[in-house]
């Protein structure tokens, strides 16, 4: 598909702004000196100076949902209006061997990079407004609703970690070690954080605020990657080696439904909008598939996009 260096979106009708499983090696986590917690810290993407670029098209911010797909050394951008759409933009500034992607409540994009950083892009911008320095190989990043950013991954010794920042401040305020690789992260409606990790066989752990009250779910999964928690508290997780997406109802250790997608390379990350009517999953070979949600035994997945490079990360605007 063709690539563009930037994309442009209009806010209202006024100003223009522009715009996944192996086991990578890592390094030491960022510093963990305590910092005063600030639950009132706004999410990145609020009051941010956005740099103008060459416009490609005009899209009202409130009505233009977007699909982001990691593509080797860049992030490809598509309109979220159906399968096989023409690419409308690309983000490369600050992007280095991207893995997991996520979008916060303000529609800012978070990119976990292979150069030990997480970069944040306000909606409509191709330049990062914030860069977090973290462990040598961050894999997934997530901003919650109370002004905190969580990053999972592993250090150069192969130890998995999840760390926490105050949004907008490049300083680790909490961290927890997890197995040999920490992967997908998600938050439930009560603000509990779930982290998939690998240690002999993979599992999922739950944390309360501040990475406290650690609880093992007892779920056993084979090399997990992407992770989501829906509004009902169901855990949705990718078993990358099995090329399978599992759904675990709250408090259970056995999936109620599994959907296998074979022949497109190892499955990686999951994405879903707030409406929870469609689930997207990407693969390492550059495929993005979609399927109606909730999943059932008869769910059939459909190819949504295909890019030219690896596709470890996928995200959609809320």
C-alpha atoms as a PDB file:
ATOM      1  CA  UNK A   1       0.000   0.000   0.000  1.00  0.00           C
ATOM      2  CA  UNK A   2       1.200   3.566  -0.591  1.00  0.00           C
ATOM      3  CA  UNK A   3       2.761   5.476   2.310  1.00  0.00           C
ATOM      4  CA  UNK A   4       2.497   9.114   3.212  1.00  0.00           C
ATOM      5  CA  UNK A   5       4.732  11.067   5.531  1.00  0.00           C
ATOM      6  CA  UNK A   6       1.945  12.791   7.433  1.00  0.00           C
ATOM      7  CA  UNK A   7      -1.794  13.099   7.809  1.00  0.00           C
ATOM      8  CA  UNK A   8      -4.053  16.000   8.613  1.00  0.00           C
ATOM      9  CA  UNK A   9      -7.226  16.270  10.616  1.00  0.00           C
ATOM     10  CA  UNK A  10      -9.404  19.287  11.319  1.00  0.00           C
ATOM     11  CA  UNK A  11     -10.875  20.057  14.714  1.00  0.00           C
ATOM     12  CA  UNK A  12     -14.480  21.172  14.217  1.00  0.00           C
ATOM     13  CA  UNK A  13     -14.079  22.965  10.937  1.00  0.00           C
ATOM     14  CA  UNK A  14     -11.187  25.162  11.960  1.00  0.00           C
ATOM     15  CA  UNK A  15      -7.460  24.482  12.203  1.00  0.00           C
ATOM     16  CA  UNK A  16      -5.562  21.674  10.489  1.00  0.00           C
ATOM     17  CA  UNK A  17      -3.183  19.425  12.416  1.00  0.00           C
ATOM     18  CA  UNK A  18      -1.117  16.528  11.196  1.00  0.00           C
ATOM     19  CA  UNK A  19      -0.355  14.184  11.636  1.00  0.00           C
ATOM     20  CA  UNK A  20       3.372  -7.538  17.649  1.00  0.00           C
ATOM     21  CA  UNK A  21       5.287 -12.907  19.311  1.00  0.00           C
ATOM     22  CA  UNK A  22       8.954 -13.408  19.668  1.00  0.00           C
ATOM     23  CA  UNK A  23      11.117 -12.756  22.700  1.00  0.00           C
ATOM     24  CA  UNK A  24      13.224  -9.638  22.105  1.00  0.00           C
ATOM     25  CA  UNK A  25      16.223  -8.689  24.246  1.00  0.00           C
ATOM     26  CA  UNK A  26      16.056  -5.836  26.742  1.00  0.00           C
ATOM     27  CA  UNK A  27      17.854  -3.673  29.348  1.00  0.00           C
ATOM     28  CA  UNK A  28      17.577  -2.155  32.796  1.00  0.00           C
ATOM     29  CA  UNK A  29      14.285  -0.532  33.868  1.00  0.00           C
ATOM     30  CA  UNK A  30      14.230   3.210  34.361  1.00  0.00           C
ATOM     31  CA  UNK A  31      14.944   4.740  37.758  1.00  0.00           C
ATOM     32  CA  UNK A  32      12.460   3.879  40.468  1.00  0.00           C
ATOM     33  CA  UNK A  33      12.873   6.754  42.942  1.00  0.00           C
ATOM     34  CA  UNK A  34       9.502   7.622  44.459  1.00  0.00           C
ATOM     35  CA  UNK A  35       7.661  10.647  43.149  1.00  0.00           C
ATOM     36  CA  UNK A  36       4.564  12.227  44.616  1.00  0.00           C
ATOM     37  CA  UNK A  37       1.536  10.625  42.958  1.00  0.00           C
ATOM     38  CA  UNK A  38      -0.777  13.022  41.200  1.00  0.00           C
ATOM     39  CA  UNK A  39      -4.110  11.470  40.340  1.00  0.00           C
ATOM     40  CA  UNK A  40      -5.197  14.812  38.919  1.00  0.00           C
ATOM     41  CA  UNK A  41      -2.419  14.808  36.301  1.00  0.00           C
ATOM     42  CA  UNK A  42      -4.160  15.197  32.921  1.00  0.00           C
ATOM     43  CA  UNK A  43      -3.781  12.521  30.296  1.00  0.00           C
ATOM     44  CA  UNK A  44      -1.236  13.297  27.589  1.00  0.00           C
ATOM     45  CA  UNK A  45      -2.923  14.710  24.530  1.00  0.00           C
ATOM     46  CA  UNK A  46      -4.830  17.423  26.415  1.00  0.00           C
ATOM     47  CA  UNK A  47      -3.055  20.751  26.331  1.00  0.00           C
ATOM     48  CA  UNK A  48      -0.428  20.007  23.726  1.00  0.00           C
ATOM     49  CA  UNK A  49       1.132  22.150  21.048  1.00  0.00           C
ATOM     50  CA  UNK A  50       0.530  20.448  17.747  1.00  0.00           C
ATOM     51  CA  UNK A  51       2.888  21.047  14.877  1.00  0.00           C
ATOM     52  CA  UNK A  52       1.455  21.715  11.446  1.00  0.00           C
ATOM     53  CA  UNK A  53       2.336  19.501   8.499  1.00  0.00           C
ATOM     54  CA  UNK A  54       1.324  19.198   4.862  1.00  0.00           C
ATOM     55  CA  UNK A  55      -2.403  18.402   4.854  1.00  0.00           C
ATOM     56  CA  UNK A  56      -3.719  15.373   2.995  1.00  0.00           C
ATOM     57  CA  UNK A  57      -7.417  15.647   3.782  1.00  0.00           C
ATOM     58  CA  UNK A  58      -9.902  17.227   6.153  1.00  0.00           C
ATOM     59  CA  UNK A  59     -11.607  15.024   8.739  1.00  0.00           C
ATOM     60  CA  UNK A  60     -13.596  16.337  11.722  1.00  0.00           C
ATOM     61  CA  UNK A  61     -11.899  15.030  14.847  1.00  0.00           C
ATOM     62  CA  UNK A  62     -15.136  13.828  16.399  1.00  0.00           C
ATOM     63  CA  UNK A  63     -16.176  11.766  13.382  1.00  0.00           C
ATOM     64  CA  UNK A  64     -12.972  10.245  12.034  1.00  0.00           C
ATOM     65  CA  UNK A  65     -12.094   6.949  13.787  1.00  0.00           C
ATOM     66  CA  UNK A  66      -8.587   5.730  12.991  1.00  0.00           C
ATOM     67  CA  UNK A  67      -6.752   2.399  12.804  1.00  0.00           C
ATOM     68  CA  UNK A  68      -3.025   2.363  13.650  1.00  0.00           C
ATOM     69  CA  UNK A  69      -0.765  -0.520  12.579  1.00  0.00           C
ATOM     70  CA  UNK A  70       2.923  -0.983  13.418  1.00  0.00           C
ATOM     71  CA  UNK A  71       4.989  -1.375  10.268  1.00  0.00           C
ATOM     72  CA  UNK A  72       8.679  -2.054  10.932  1.00  0.00           C
ATOM     73  CA  UNK A  73       9.994   1.460  11.511  1.00  0.00           C
ATOM     74  CA  UNK A  74       6.744   3.426  11.293  1.00  0.00           C
ATOM     75  CA  UNK A  75       3.074   3.459  12.239  1.00  0.00           C
ATOM     76  CA  UNK A  76       0.609   3.244   9.337  1.00  0.00           C
ATOM     77  CA  UNK A  77      -2.699   5.094   9.673  1.00  0.00           C
ATOM     78  CA  UNK A  78      -5.996   4.041   8.090  1.00  0.00           C
ATOM     79  CA  UNK A  79      -9.542   5.377   8.328  1.00  0.00           C
ATOM     80  CA  UNK A  80     -11.581   2.996  10.469  1.00  0.00           C
ATOM     81  CA  UNK A  81     -14.417   2.765   7.966  1.00  0.00           C
ATOM     82  CA  UNK A  82     -14.140  -0.864   6.833  1.00  0.00           C
ATOM     83  CA  UNK A  83     -11.670  -3.394   5.400  1.00  0.00           C
ATOM     84  CA  UNK A  84      -9.024  -2.622   2.784  1.00  0.00           C
ATOM     85  CA  UNK A  85      -9.036   1.155   3.081  1.00  0.00           C
ATOM     86  CA  UNK A  86      -6.350   3.337   1.525  1.00  0.00           C
ATOM     87  CA  UNK A  87      -3.669   4.432   3.967  1.00  0.00           C
ATOM     88  CA  UNK A  88      -4.017   8.101   4.889  1.00  0.00           C
ATOM     89  CA  UNK A  89      -0.836   8.693   6.838  1.00  0.00           C
ATOM     90  CA  UNK A  90       2.297   7.410   8.541  1.00  0.00           C
ATOM     91  CA  UNK A  91       4.210   8.279  11.721  1.00  0.00           C
ATOM     92  CA  UNK A  92       7.976   7.767  11.733  1.00  0.00           C
ATOM     93  CA  UNK A  93       9.384  10.530  13.969  1.00  0.00           C
ATOM     94  CA  UNK A  94      10.439   8.941  17.266  1.00  0.00           C
ATOM     95  CA  UNK A  95       9.410   5.451  16.099  1.00  0.00           C
ATOM     96  CA  UNK A  96      11.992   2.638  16.319  1.00  0.00           C
ATOM     97  CA  UNK A  97      11.107  -1.043  15.865  1.00  0.00           C
ATOM     98  CA  UNK A  98       7.623  -0.517  17.354  1.00  0.00           C
ATOM     99  CA  UNK A  99       5.801  -3.272  19.253  1.00  0.00           C
ATOM    100  CA  UNK A 100       2.567  -2.615  21.177  1.00  0.00           C
ATOM    101  CA  UNK A 101       0.287   0.341  20.421  1.00  0.00           C
ATOM    102  CA  UNK A 102      -2.544   1.872  22.430  1.00  0.00           C
ATOM    103  CA  UNK A 103      -4.808   4.920  22.379  1.00  0.00           C
ATOM    104  CA  UNK A 104      -5.926   6.828  25.486  1.00  0.00           C
ATOM    105  CA  UNK A 105      -9.236   8.537  26.253  1.00  0.00           C
ATOM    106  CA  UNK A 106      -7.988  11.721  24.541  1.00  0.00           C
ATOM    107  CA  UNK A 107      -7.161   9.750  21.363  1.00  0.00           C
ATOM    108  CA  UNK A 108      -3.405  10.107  21.878  1.00  0.00           C
ATOM    109  CA  UNK A 109      -1.384   7.224  20.448  1.00  0.00           C
ATOM    110  CA  UNK A 110       1.245   5.409  22.595  1.00  0.00           C
ATOM    111  CA  UNK A 111       4.044   3.495  20.868  1.00  0.00           C
ATOM    112  CA  UNK A 112       6.390   1.054  22.671  1.00  0.00           C
ATOM    113  CA  UNK A 113       9.690   1.306  20.803  1.00  0.00           C
ATOM    114  CA  UNK A 114      12.698  -0.988  20.523  1.00  0.00           C
ATOM    115  CA  UNK A 115      15.041   1.819  21.608  1.00  0.00           C
ATOM    116  CA  UNK A 116      13.832   1.740  25.260  1.00  0.00           C
ATOM    117  CA  UNK A 117      11.243   4.496  24.853  1.00  0.00           C
ATOM    118  CA  UNK A 118       7.506   4.986  24.719  1.00  0.00           C
ATOM    119  CA  UNK A 119       6.446   7.900  22.528  1.00  0.00           C
ATOM    120  CA  UNK A 120       3.080   9.692  22.671  1.00  0.00           C
ATOM    121  CA  UNK A 121       1.366  11.304  19.668  1.00  0.00           C
ATOM    122  CA  UNK A 122      -1.641  13.598  20.125  1.00  0.00           C
ATOM    123  CA  UNK A 123      -4.516  12.886  17.787  1.00  0.00           C
ATOM    124  CA  UNK A 124      -3.677  14.346  14.398  1.00  0.00           C
ATOM    125  CA  UNK A 125       0.072  14.764  15.031  1.00  0.00           C
ATOM    126  CA  UNK A 126       3.050  12.898  13.623  1.00  0.00           C
ATOM    127  CA  UNK A 127       5.454  14.409  16.183  1.00  0.00           C
ATOM    128  CA  UNK A 128       5.670  13.044  19.751  1.00  0.00           C
ATOM    129  CA  UNK A 129       4.481  15.304  22.560  1.00  0.00           C
ATOM    130  CA  UNK A 130       6.056  13.112  25.266  1.00  0.00           C
ATOM    131  CA  UNK A 131       8.764  10.447  25.472  1.00  0.00           C
ATOM    132  CA  UNK A 132       9.099   8.012  28.393  1.00  0.00           C
ATOM    133  CA  UNK A 133      12.487   6.354  28.957  1.00  0.00           C
ATOM    134  CA  UNK A 134      11.986   2.861  30.318  1.00  0.00           C
ATOM    135  CA  UNK A 135      13.354  -0.696  30.284  1.00  0.00           C
ATOM    136  CA  UNK A 136      15.550  -1.737  27.357  1.00  0.00           C
ATOM    137  CA  UNK A 137      12.683  -3.490  25.568  1.00  0.00           C
ATOM    138  CA  UNK A 138       9.258  -2.051  26.307  1.00  0.00           C
ATOM    139  CA  UNK A 139       6.537  -4.139  24.673  1.00  0.00           C
ATOM    140  CA  UNK A 140       3.209  -2.578  25.623  1.00  0.00           C
ATOM    141  CA  UNK A 141       2.081   0.754  27.068  1.00  0.00           C
ATOM    142  CA  UNK A 142      -1.234   1.887  28.529  1.00  0.00           C
ATOM    143  CA  UNK A 143      -2.544   5.189  29.926  1.00  0.00           C
ATOM    144  CA  UNK A 144      -5.306   4.893  32.515  1.00  0.00           C
ATOM    145  CA  UNK A 145      -8.130   7.314  33.364  1.00  0.00           C
ATOM    146  CA  UNK A 146      -6.451   8.767  36.482  1.00  0.00           C
ATOM    147  CA  UNK A 147      -3.269  10.155  34.965  1.00  0.00           C
ATOM    148  CA  UNK A 148      -0.887   7.197  35.010  1.00  0.00           C
ATOM    149  CA  UNK A 149       1.022   5.365  32.290  1.00  0.00           C
ATOM    150  CA  UNK A 150       2.007   1.688  32.580  1.00  0.00           C
ATOM    151  CA  UNK A 151       4.679  -0.024  30.474  1.00  0.00           C
ATOM    152  CA  UNK A 152       5.414  -3.760  30.254  1.00  0.00           C
ATOM    153  CA  UNK A 153       8.458  -5.480  28.768  1.00  0.00           C
ATOM    154  CA  UNK A 154      11.775  -6.927  29.873  1.00  0.00           C
ATOM    155  CA  UNK A 155      15.301  -5.830  30.705  1.00  0.00           C
ATOM    156  CA  UNK A 156      18.601  -6.859  29.171  1.00  0.00           C
ATOM    157  CA  UNK A 157      18.835  -9.797  31.585  1.00  0.00           C
ATOM    158  CA  UNK A 158      15.537 -11.205  30.293  1.00  0.00           C
ATOM    159  CA  UNK A 159      13.564 -10.266  33.421  1.00  0.00           C
ATOM    160  CA  UNK A 160      10.027  -9.085  32.741  1.00  0.00           C
ATOM    161  CA  UNK A 161       8.746  -5.907  34.387  1.00  0.00           C
ATOM    162  CA  UNK A 162       5.750  -3.621  34.507  1.00  0.00           C
ATOM    163  CA  UNK A 163       6.466  -0.022  35.521  1.00  0.00           C
ATOM    164  CA  UNK A 164       4.305   3.003  36.267  1.00  0.00           C
ATOM    165  CA  UNK A 165       4.731   6.713  35.503  1.00  0.00           C
ATOM    166  CA  UNK A 166       2.732   9.802  36.323  1.00  0.00           C
ATOM    167  CA  UNK A 167       1.461  10.949  32.945  1.00  0.00           C
ATOM    168  CA  UNK A 168       3.696  13.616  31.478  1.00  0.00           C
ATOM    169  CA  UNK A 169       6.608  12.889  33.852  1.00  0.00           C
ATOM    170  CA  UNK A 170       9.543  10.771  32.709  1.00  0.00           C
ATOM    171  CA  UNK A 171      10.189   9.122  36.074  1.00  0.00           C
ATOM    172  CA  UNK A 172       9.223   5.618  37.222  1.00  0.00           C
ATOM    173  CA  UNK A 173       7.118   5.768  40.406  1.00  0.00           C
ATOM    174  CA  UNK A 174       6.459   1.999  40.825  1.00  0.00           C
ATOM    175  CA  UNK A 175       7.637  -1.269  39.275  1.00  0.00           C
ATOM    176  CA  UNK A 176       7.057  -4.998  39.657  1.00  0.00           C
ATOM    177  CA  UNK A 177       9.082  -7.938  38.240  1.00  0.00           C
ATOM    178  CA  UNK A 178       7.097 -10.536  36.285  1.00  0.00           C
ATOM    179  CA  UNK A 179       8.527 -13.800  34.937  1.00  0.00           C
ATOM    180  CA  UNK A 180      10.718 -13.754  31.874  1.00  0.00           C
ATOM    181  CA  UNK A 181       8.661 -11.389  29.722  1.00  0.00           C
ATOM    182  CA  UNK A 182       5.788  -9.045  30.519  1.00  0.00           C
ATOM    183  CA  UNK A 183       3.412  -8.615  27.610  1.00  0.00           C
ATOM    184  CA  UNK A 184      -0.124  -7.320  27.117  1.00  0.00           C
ATOM    185  CA  UNK A 185      -1.619  -4.967  29.699  1.00  0.00           C
ATOM    186  CA  UNK A 186      -5.233  -3.902  30.252  1.00  0.00           C
ATOM    187  CA  UNK A 187      -7.401  -2.213  32.863  1.00  0.00           C
ATOM    188  CA  UNK A 188     -10.885  -3.201  34.056  1.00  0.00           C
ATOM    189  CA  UNK A 189     -13.784  -0.903  34.939  1.00  0.00           C
ATOM    190  CA  UNK A 190     -12.659  -0.777  38.600  1.00  0.00           C
ATOM    191  CA  UNK A 191      -9.169   0.411  37.723  1.00  0.00           C
ATOM    192  CA  UNK A 192      -7.381  -2.912  38.325  1.00  0.00           C
ATOM    193  CA  UNK A 193      -4.444  -3.567  36.005  1.00  0.00           C
ATOM    194  CA  UNK A 194      -3.963  -6.953  34.313  1.00  0.00           C
ATOM    195  CA  UNK A 195      -0.597  -7.980  32.898  1.00  0.00           C
ATOM    196  CA  UNK A 196       0.137 -11.078  30.795  1.00  0.00           C
ATOM    197  CA  UNK A 197       3.568 -12.589  31.371  1.00  0.00           C
ATOM    198  CA  UNK A 198       5.683 -15.624  30.423  1.00  0.00           C
ATOM    199  CA  UNK A 199       7.319 -17.965  32.945  1.00  0.00           C
ATOM    200  CA  UNK A 200       7.494 -21.633  31.879  1.00  0.00           C
ATOM    201  CA  UNK A 201       3.853 -21.380  30.843  1.00  0.00           C
ATOM    202  CA  UNK A 202       2.299 -17.958  30.638  1.00  0.00           C
ATOM    203  CA  UNK A 203      -0.239 -16.434  32.967  1.00  0.00           C
ATOM    204  CA  UNK A 204      -1.986 -13.187  33.910  1.00  0.00           C
ATOM    205  CA  UNK A 205      -1.554 -11.207  37.122  1.00  0.00           C
ATOM    206  CA  UNK A 206      -3.814  -8.492  38.541  1.00  0.00           C
ATOM    207  CA  UNK A 207      -2.703  -5.351  40.405  1.00  0.00           C
ATOM    208  CA  UNK A 208      -4.530  -2.701  42.353  1.00  0.00           C
ATOM    209  CA  UNK A 209      -3.622   1.017  42.195  1.00  0.00           C
ATOM    210  CA  UNK A 210       0.083   1.757  42.277  1.00  0.00           C
ATOM    211  CA  UNK A 211       0.990  -1.780  41.234  1.00  0.00           C
ATOM    212  CA  UNK A 212      -0.059  -3.031  44.685  1.00  0.00           C
ATOM    213  CA  UNK A 213      -2.193  -5.967  45.899  1.00  0.00           C
ATOM    214  CA  UNK A 214      -0.693  -8.374  43.376  1.00  0.00           C
ATOM    215  CA  UNK A 215      -2.991 -11.340  42.662  1.00  0.00           C
ATOM    216  CA  UNK A 216      -2.337 -14.299  40.365  1.00  0.00           C
ATOM    217  CA  UNK A 217      -5.373 -15.281  38.318  1.00  0.00           C
ATOM    218  CA  UNK A 218      -4.202 -18.890  37.863  1.00  0.00           C
ATOM    219  CA  UNK A 219      -4.919 -18.706  34.142  1.00  0.00           C
ATOM    220  CA  UNK A 220      -2.463 -20.765  32.051  1.00  0.00           C
ATOM    221  CA  UNK A 221      -1.772 -19.590  28.523  1.00  0.00           C
ATOM    222  CA  UNK A 222       0.918 -20.345  25.935  1.00  0.00           C
ATOM    223  CA  UNK A 223       3.133 -17.335  25.183  1.00  0.00           C
ATOM    224  CA  UNK A 224       0.587 -14.533  25.654  1.00  0.00           C
ATOM    225  CA  UNK A 225       0.683 -11.301  23.731  1.00  0.00           C
ATOM    226  CA  UNK A 226      -2.204  -8.851  23.396  1.00  0.00           C
ATOM    227  CA  UNK A 227      -4.622  -8.456  26.311  1.00  0.00           C
ATOM    228  CA  UNK A 228      -7.956  -6.669  26.820  1.00  0.00           C
ATOM    229  CA  UNK A 229     -10.640  -6.607  29.523  1.00  0.00           C
ATOM    230  CA  UNK A 230     -14.177  -5.852  28.318  1.00  0.00           C
ATOM    231  CA  UNK A 231     -16.889  -3.936  30.171  1.00  0.00           C
ATOM    232  CA  UNK A 232     -18.255  -7.182  31.700  1.00  0.00           C
ATOM    233  CA  UNK A 233     -14.815  -8.088  33.097  1.00  0.00           C
ATOM    234  CA  UNK A 234     -14.038 -10.830  30.569  1.00  0.00           C
ATOM    235  CA  UNK A 235     -10.308 -11.207  29.895  1.00  0.00           C
ATOM    236  CA  UNK A 236      -9.445 -11.461  26.193  1.00  0.00           C
ATOM    237  CA  UNK A 237      -5.920 -12.667  25.469  1.00  0.00           C
ATOM    238  CA  UNK A 238      -3.829 -13.837  22.520  1.00  0.00           C
ATOM    239  CA  UNK A 239      -1.947 -17.156  22.724  1.00  0.00           C
ATOM    240  CA  UNK A 240       0.577 -16.312  20.050  1.00  0.00           C
ATOM    241  CA  UNK A 241       2.072 -19.782  19.452  1.00  0.00           C
ATOM    242  CA  UNK A 242      -1.389 -21.350  19.083  1.00  0.00           C
ATOM    243  CA  UNK A 243      -2.602 -18.413  16.934  1.00  0.00           C
ATOM    244  CA  UNK A 244      -5.632 -18.308  19.180  1.00  0.00           C
ATOM    245  CA  UNK A 245      -7.729 -15.647  20.904  1.00  0.00           C
ATOM    246  CA  UNK A 246      -9.238 -16.793  24.240  1.00  0.00           C
ATOM    247  CA  UNK A 247     -11.987 -15.261  26.368  1.00  0.00           C
ATOM    248  CA  UNK A 248     -11.958 -15.932  30.130  1.00  0.00           C
ATOM    249  CA  UNK A 249     -15.085 -14.912  32.086  1.00  0.00           C
ATOM    250  CA  UNK A 250     -14.409 -13.195  35.425  1.00  0.00           C
ATOM    251  CA  UNK A 251     -12.887 -15.514  38.025  1.00  0.00           C
ATOM    252  CA  UNK A 252     -12.445 -18.480  35.678  1.00  0.00           C
ATOM    253  CA  UNK A 253      -9.306 -20.346  34.553  1.00  0.00           C
ATOM    254  CA  UNK A 254     -10.796 -21.977  31.448  1.00  0.00           C
ATOM    255  CA  UNK A 255     -11.800 -19.998  28.353  1.00  0.00           C
ATOM    256  CA  UNK A 256     -15.474 -19.880  27.494  1.00  0.00           C
ATOM    257  CA  UNK A 257     -14.615 -19.467  23.818  1.00  0.00           C
ATOM    258  CA  UNK A 258     -11.493 -19.614  21.638  1.00  0.00           C
ATOM    259  CA  UNK A 259     -11.048 -18.425  18.074  1.00  0.00           C
ATOM    260  CA  UNK A 260      -8.079 -19.667  16.009  1.00  0.00           C
ATOM    261  CA  UNK A 261      -6.716 -17.721  13.043  1.00  0.00           C
ATOM    262  CA  UNK A 262      -4.131 -19.803  11.192  1.00  0.00           C
ATOM    263  CA  UNK A 263      -1.804 -19.075   8.309  1.00  0.00           C
ATOM    264  CA  UNK A 264      -1.084 -15.384   8.926  1.00  0.00           C
ATOM    265  CA  UNK A 265       1.923 -15.682  11.247  1.00  0.00           C
ATOM    266  CA  UNK A 266       1.950 -15.432  15.034  1.00  0.00           C
ATOM    267  CA  UNK A 267      -0.932 -13.379  16.377  1.00  0.00           C
ATOM    268  CA  UNK A 268       0.176 -10.367  18.405  1.00  0.00           C
ATOM    269  CA  UNK A 269      -1.935  -7.483  19.710  1.00  0.00           C
ATOM    270  CA  UNK A 270      -5.672  -6.906  20.166  1.00  0.00           C
ATOM    271  CA  UNK A 271      -7.705  -3.716  19.794  1.00  0.00           C
ATOM    272  CA  UNK A 272     -11.318  -2.784  20.446  1.00  0.00           C
ATOM    273  CA  UNK A 273     -13.375   0.409  20.587  1.00  0.00           C
ATOM    274  CA  UNK A 274     -15.540   1.449  23.529  1.00  0.00           C
ATOM    275  CA  UNK A 275     -18.623   0.104  21.742  1.00  0.00           C
ATOM    276  CA  UNK A 276     -17.084  -3.422  21.955  1.00  0.00           C
ATOM    277  CA  UNK A 277     -18.772  -4.600  18.769  1.00  0.00           C
ATOM    278  CA  UNK A 278     -15.612  -5.466  16.810  1.00  0.00           C
ATOM    279  CA  UNK A 279     -12.297  -7.056  17.850  1.00  0.00           C
ATOM    280  CA  UNK A 280      -9.136  -6.519  15.823  1.00  0.00           C
ATOM    281  CA  UNK A 281      -5.968  -8.645  15.999  1.00  0.00           C
ATOM    282  CA  UNK A 282      -2.664  -8.231  14.141  1.00  0.00           C
ATOM    283  CA  UNK A 283      -0.010 -10.774  13.235  1.00  0.00           C
ATOM    284  CA  UNK A 284       3.752 -10.565  12.871  1.00  0.00           C
ATOM    285  CA  UNK A 285       3.492 -11.058   9.121  1.00  0.00           C
ATOM    286  CA  UNK A 286       1.581  -7.824   8.565  1.00  0.00           C
ATOM    287  CA  UNK A 287      -2.038  -8.969   8.672  1.00  0.00           C
ATOM    288  CA  UNK A 288      -4.835  -7.308  10.595  1.00  0.00           C
ATOM    289  CA  UNK A 289      -8.013  -9.376  11.061  1.00  0.00           C
ATOM    290  CA  UNK A 290     -11.358  -8.326  12.534  1.00  0.00           C
ATOM    291  CA  UNK A 291     -14.224 -10.302  14.056  1.00  0.00           C
ATOM    292  CA  UNK A 292     -17.568  -9.422  15.626  1.00  0.00           C
ATOM    293  CA  UNK A 293     -17.602  -9.220  19.417  1.00  0.00           C
ATOM    294  CA  UNK A 294     -18.648 -10.907  21.713  1.00  0.00           C
ATOM    295  CA  UNK A 295     -16.884 -13.964  20.300  1.00  0.00           C
ATOM    296  CA  UNK A 296     -18.804 -17.217  19.896  1.00  0.00           C
ATOM    297  CA  UNK A 297     -17.937 -20.766  18.811  1.00  0.00           C
ATOM    298  CA  UNK A 298     -19.075 -19.853  15.295  1.00  0.00           C
ATOM    299  CA  UNK A 299     -17.169 -16.545  15.015  1.00  0.00           C
ATOM    300  CA  UNK A 300     -15.484 -16.087  11.640  1.00  0.00           C
ATOM    301  CA  UNK A 301     -12.597 -13.645  11.329  1.00  0.00           C
ATOM    302  CA  UNK A 302     -12.077 -11.457   8.261  1.00  0.00           C
ATOM    303  CA  UNK A 303      -8.944  -9.907   6.794  1.00  0.00           C
ATOM    304  CA  UNK A 304      -9.133  -6.181   7.488  1.00  0.00           C
ATOM    305  CA  UNK A 305      -5.785  -4.812   6.289  1.00  0.00           C
ATOM    306  CA  UNK A 306      -2.462  -6.147   5.003  1.00  0.00           C
ATOM    307  CA  UNK A 307       0.703  -4.104   5.218  1.00  0.00           C
ATOM    308  CA  UNK A 308       4.129  -4.695   3.692  1.00  0.00           C
ATOM    309  CA  UNK A 309       6.093  -5.051   6.954  1.00  0.00           C
ATOM    310  CA  UNK A 310       5.733  -6.814  10.309  1.00  0.00           C
ATOM    311  CA  UNK A 311       2.684  -5.837  12.335  1.00  0.00           C
ATOM    312  CA  UNK A 312       3.316  -6.413  16.034  1.00  0.00           C
ATOM    313  CA  UNK A 313       0.973  -3.643  17.149  1.00  0.00           C
ATOM    314  CA  UNK A 314      -2.540  -2.478  16.344  1.00  0.00           C
ATOM    315  CA  UNK A 315      -4.751   0.163  17.971  1.00  0.00           C
ATOM    316  CA  UNK A 316      -7.991   1.994  17.244  1.00  0.00           C
ATOM    317  CA  UNK A 317      -9.398   5.287  18.466  1.00  0.00           C
ATOM    318  CA  UNK A 318     -12.071   4.911  21.158  1.00  0.00           C
END
